Each structure stands twice: as structure tokens, then as C-alpha cells.
Amino acid sequence: MMRKLLLIGALLASAVAAQDAAAQATGTKIAYIHSARLFQEAPGATDVRNTLEKEMAKYRADLELLEDSIKNMITDYQQKQVMLSPDAKKKQEDAIEAKDRELQQRQAQYQQIMQRRQEELIKPIMEKINVVLEEARKEGGYGLVLDAAQGMIVASDSALDLTDKVLAKLKAGATASAAPKTPGN
């Protein structure tokens, strides 16, 4: 396993070195970003996380009620099991299984809802990040911008990291758009 990891690391390093050599031969400048950090610190990202957390809390509460209902049904069944006829046992077991299926369906439904909601809330932030990143790429004359979060960068000069520059532009843009408009503007 360790040999495999070392081999993969060596292959990645040689691929990045080959890219760098090809880029230098053609005069292409390379930079990189930390996409996870960009999204974490982008204006509006905290609001998105808070909104998603509040919405998820509602769904969690509903699921917890359903789980409690199932636990109560199981406890009731276990206490009365000895006194129940085979038909009554089967009926209660079926009811418990149906409630468990309902729980699983609702979990899947809520997961889909939250995934769509997350995409909906994140999309405008990602679009802003992409616009600012493209501006920074053009301003710096970079032909290629890599993402350090994807594990493609084995070693680099921190001067090639555009993350802080992109964040500064994002925050400046958010501040400018949030500034109150004066009459006549």
C-alpha cells in the first residue's frame, strides 16, 4: 500500500513537473488557488451555511420525531409480544417495518431537497468566485490556474497562490455592492 502511494505521488510529481516544463517552454504562467478556502471565506458563504443549517434543523427534528415513534412502537411491541396472537404480532411487525420504510423515504427525500437547496444557494457565490478568478488570471497573465484542494500540487512557490488576491477582490466587490447608493447614482 505504501509503495502504491509513493508511486502515485511520484507520478503526480512528474506530471506536474512535466506540465511546468511545458508551460515554461511555451511561456505560460501557472498559478494556483485553494478552492475550499475561497468558498469558506467568500462573502455570503457564512450566510449560506447558516441558512442551510437552519433548514436542515427542521428536517432533523421531523426525522427525530419519526425515529422516536418507531422506538416507541418497538418498545410497546416487545412488552406485549408474549401476550399477542401470531396475527397481532405480524400486524405490529408490519406496522413497525412500514414506519421504518417511511423514515428511510423521508431521509432520502430531505437529502435530495437539501442538496438542491445547497446548489441553489451556492451557485451565485461560485459564479462570483469564477468571475473574479478569471479576472485575476487575465490580470496576472496566467495560462493555467490549478486547484491545490484537488491534490495536484506537490510543491510550489507561495507567490503563485492567487487565493488571497481572489478573496480580496471578492470582498471588495461585496463591500462595493453593499454600499448604500447616494442620490444621483
Protein backbone atom coordinates (compact mmCIF):
# COMPACT_ATOMS: atom_id res chain seq x y z
CA MET A 1 0.00 0.00 0.00
CA MET A 2 2.80 2.42 0.92
CA ARG A 3 4.64 1.59 -2.31
CA LYS A 4 1.48 2.34 -4.25
CA LEU A 5 1.12 5.72 -2.55
CA LEU A 6 4.75 6.58 -3.20
CA LEU A 7 4.38 5.55 -6.83
CA ILE A 8 1.24 7.67 -7.23
CA GLY A 9 2.99 10.61 -5.56
CA ALA A 10 5.98 10.23 -7.85
CA LEU A 11 3.74 10.04 -10.91
CA LEU A 12 1.85 13.16 -9.82
CA ALA A 13 5.10 15.00 -9.13
CA SER A 14 6.49 14.07 -12.54
CA ALA A 15 3.21 15.06 -14.24
CA VAL A 16 3.24 18.45 -12.53
CA ALA A 17 6.93 18.88 -13.36
CA ALA A 18 6.24 17.99 -16.99
CA GLN A 19 3.37 20.49 -17.09
CA ASP A 20 5.59 23.13 -15.53
CA ALA A 21 8.38 22.43 -18.02
CA ALA A 22 5.94 22.58 -20.93
CA ALA A 23 4.45 25.80 -19.56
CA GLN A 24 7.88 27.37 -19.19
CA ALA A 25 8.85 26.30 -22.69
CA THR A 26 5.75 27.98 -24.13
CA GLY A 27 5.97 30.96 -21.76
CA THR A 28 2.73 30.06 -19.99
CA LYS A 29 2.49 31.28 -16.40
CA ILE A 30 0.99 28.96 -13.82
CA ALA A 31 -0.73 29.83 -10.55
CA TYR A 32 -2.93 28.01 -8.08
CA ILE A 33 -5.77 28.57 -5.64
CA HIS A 34 -7.23 26.81 -2.62
CA SER A 35 -10.86 26.41 -3.73
CA ALA A 36 -12.07 25.16 -0.34
CA ARG A 37 -10.67 28.24 1.37
CA LEU A 38 -12.11 30.51 -1.33
CA PHE A 39 -15.57 29.16 -0.76
CA GLN A 40 -15.17 29.11 3.02
CA GLU A 41 -14.18 32.78 3.17
CA ALA A 42 -16.13 34.19 0.23
CA PRO A 43 -18.66 36.91 1.04
CA GLY A 44 -22.04 35.28 1.62
CA ALA A 45 -20.67 31.81 2.36
CA THR A 46 -21.35 32.11 6.09
CA ASP A 47 -24.92 33.18 5.35
CA VAL A 48 -25.35 30.16 3.09
CA ARG A 49 -24.03 27.80 5.76
CA ASN A 50 -26.31 29.36 8.41
CA THR A 51 -29.36 29.17 6.14
CA LEU A 52 -28.66 25.55 5.27
CA GLU A 53 -28.11 24.66 8.92
CA LYS A 54 -31.44 26.25 9.94
CA GLU A 55 -33.28 24.45 7.17
CA MET A 56 -31.60 21.14 7.98
CA ALA A 57 -32.53 21.54 11.65
CA LYS A 58 -36.24 21.47 10.69
CA TYR A 59 -35.78 18.25 8.77
CA ARG A 60 -33.68 16.70 11.54
CA ALA A 61 -36.42 17.49 14.07
CA ASP A 62 -39.02 15.78 11.85
CA LEU A 63 -36.81 12.73 11.42
CA GLU A 64 -36.12 12.54 15.15
CA LEU A 65 -39.88 12.52 15.85
CA LEU A 66 -40.31 9.69 13.39
CA GLU A 67 -37.39 7.77 14.93
CA ASP A 68 -38.89 8.25 18.40
CA SER A 69 -42.21 6.95 17.12
CA ILE A 70 -40.51 3.82 15.79
CA LYS A 71 -38.64 3.29 19.07
CA ASN A 72 -41.92 3.60 21.00
CA MET A 73 -43.60 1.12 18.65
CA ILE A 74 -40.72 -1.34 19.16
CA THR A 75 -40.77 -0.93 22.94
CA ASP A 76 -44.55 -1.42 23.02
CA TYR A 77 -44.25 -4.48 20.80
CA GLN A 78 -41.51 -6.01 22.96
CA GLN A 79 -43.54 -5.51 26.13
CA LYS A 80 -46.73 -7.05 24.68
CA GLN A 81 -45.13 -9.63 22.41
CA VAL A 82 -45.69 -12.58 24.75
CA MET A 83 -49.41 -11.90 25.01
CA LEU A 84 -50.06 -11.25 21.32
CA SER A 85 -51.53 -13.74 18.90
CA PRO A 86 -49.47 -14.59 15.82
CA ASP A 87 -51.74 -12.37 13.69
CA ALA A 88 -51.43 -9.44 16.11
CA LYS A 89 -47.62 -9.90 16.20
CA LYS A 90 -47.47 -9.88 12.41
CA LYS A 91 -49.65 -6.78 12.27
CA GLN A 92 -47.41 -4.86 14.69
CA GLU A 93 -44.21 -6.05 12.99
CA ASP A 94 -45.61 -4.90 9.63
CA ALA A 95 -46.54 -1.52 11.14
CA ILE A 96 -43.00 -1.10 12.51
CA GLU A 97 -41.47 -2.05 9.15
CA ALA A 98 -43.80 0.37 7.32
CA LYS A 99 -42.83 3.18 9.70
CA ASP A 100 -39.14 2.35 9.17
CA ARG A 101 -39.62 2.48 5.37
CA GLU A 102 -41.36 5.84 5.79
CA LEU A 103 -38.35 7.08 7.78
CA GLN A 104 -35.92 5.92 5.09
CA GLN A 105 -38.00 7.50 2.33
CA ARG A 106 -38.25 10.77 4.21
CA GLN A 107 -34.49 10.77 4.86
CA ALA A 108 -33.83 10.32 1.13
CA GLN A 109 -36.40 13.00 0.26
CA TYR A 110 -34.88 15.50 2.70
CA GLN A 111 -31.39 14.73 1.45
CA GLN A 112 -32.47 15.50 -2.12
CA ILE A 113 -34.22 18.69 -1.04
CA MET A 114 -31.16 19.88 0.87
CA GLN A 115 -28.83 19.01 -1.99
CA ARG A 116 -30.94 21.08 -4.41
CA ARG A 117 -31.17 23.90 -1.88
CA GLN A 118 -27.41 23.87 -1.32
CA GLU A 119 -26.77 24.03 -5.07
CA GLU A 120 -29.27 26.89 -5.37
CA LEU A 121 -27.63 28.91 -2.59
CA ILE A 122 -24.04 28.15 -3.57
CA LYS A 123 -24.43 28.84 -7.30
CA PRO A 124 -24.31 32.68 -7.06
CA ILE A 125 -21.22 32.56 -4.84
CA MET A 126 -19.46 30.14 -7.17
CA GLU A 127 -20.31 32.32 -10.16
CA LYS A 128 -18.77 35.35 -8.41
CA ILE A 129 -15.68 33.35 -7.50
CA ASN A 130 -15.29 32.17 -11.10
CA VAL A 131 -15.65 35.71 -12.48
CA VAL A 132 -13.09 37.14 -10.05
CA LEU A 133 -10.75 34.18 -10.59
CA GLU A 134 -10.90 34.67 -14.34
CA GLU A 135 -10.17 38.41 -13.88
CA ALA A 136 -7.17 37.60 -11.66
CA ARG A 137 -5.96 35.01 -14.18
CA LYS A 138 -6.12 37.52 -17.02
CA GLU A 139 -4.56 40.35 -15.00
CA GLY A 140 -1.67 38.15 -13.96
CA GLY A 141 -1.24 36.69 -17.44
CA TYR A 142 -1.67 33.14 -16.14
CA GLY A 143 -2.35 30.49 -18.74
CA LEU A 144 -3.17 27.87 -16.15
CA VAL A 145 -4.60 28.02 -12.63
CA LEU A 146 -4.56 24.80 -10.62
CA ASP A 147 -6.57 23.92 -7.53
CA ALA A 148 -4.46 22.91 -4.54
CA ALA A 149 -7.55 21.37 -2.92
CA GLN A 150 -7.55 18.72 -5.66
CA GLY A 151 -4.13 17.47 -4.56
CA MET A 152 -2.43 18.23 -7.86
CA ILE A 153 0.26 20.42 -6.34
CA VAL A 154 3.10 18.60 -4.68
CA ALA A 155 5.29 21.64 -4.00
CA SER A 156 5.11 25.26 -5.07
CA ASP A 157 6.21 28.81 -4.50
CA SER A 158 3.61 30.56 -2.33
CA ALA A 159 3.94 33.60 -4.59
CA LEU A 160 1.96 31.61 -7.17
CA ASP A 161 -1.02 31.28 -4.80
CA LEU A 162 -3.84 33.55 -6.01
CA THR A 163 -6.23 32.67 -3.17
CA ASP A 164 -5.67 35.83 -1.11
CA LYS A 165 -5.84 38.04 -4.20
CA VAL A 166 -9.13 36.47 -5.31
CA LEU A 167 -10.58 36.73 -1.79
CA ALA A 168 -9.60 40.39 -1.55
CA LYS A 169 -11.33 41.12 -4.87
CA LEU A 170 -14.43 39.18 -3.80
CA LYS A 171 -14.63 41.06 -0.51
CA ALA A 172 -14.02 44.39 -2.22
CA GLY A 173 -16.78 43.61 -4.70
CA ALA A 174 -19.15 42.61 -1.90
CA THR A 175 -18.37 45.81 0.00
CA ALA A 176 -18.90 47.93 -3.10
CA SER A 177 -22.23 46.27 -3.92
CA ALA A 178 -23.36 46.55 -0.30
CA ALA A 179 -22.52 50.27 -0.08
CA PRO A 180 -25.62 52.47 0.03
CA LYS A 181 -26.41 54.30 -3.19
CA THR A 182 -26.27 58.07 -3.00
CA PRO A 183 -28.90 60.15 -4.77
CA GLY A 184 -27.98 60.71 -8.37
CA ASN A 185 -26.03 57.39 -8.71
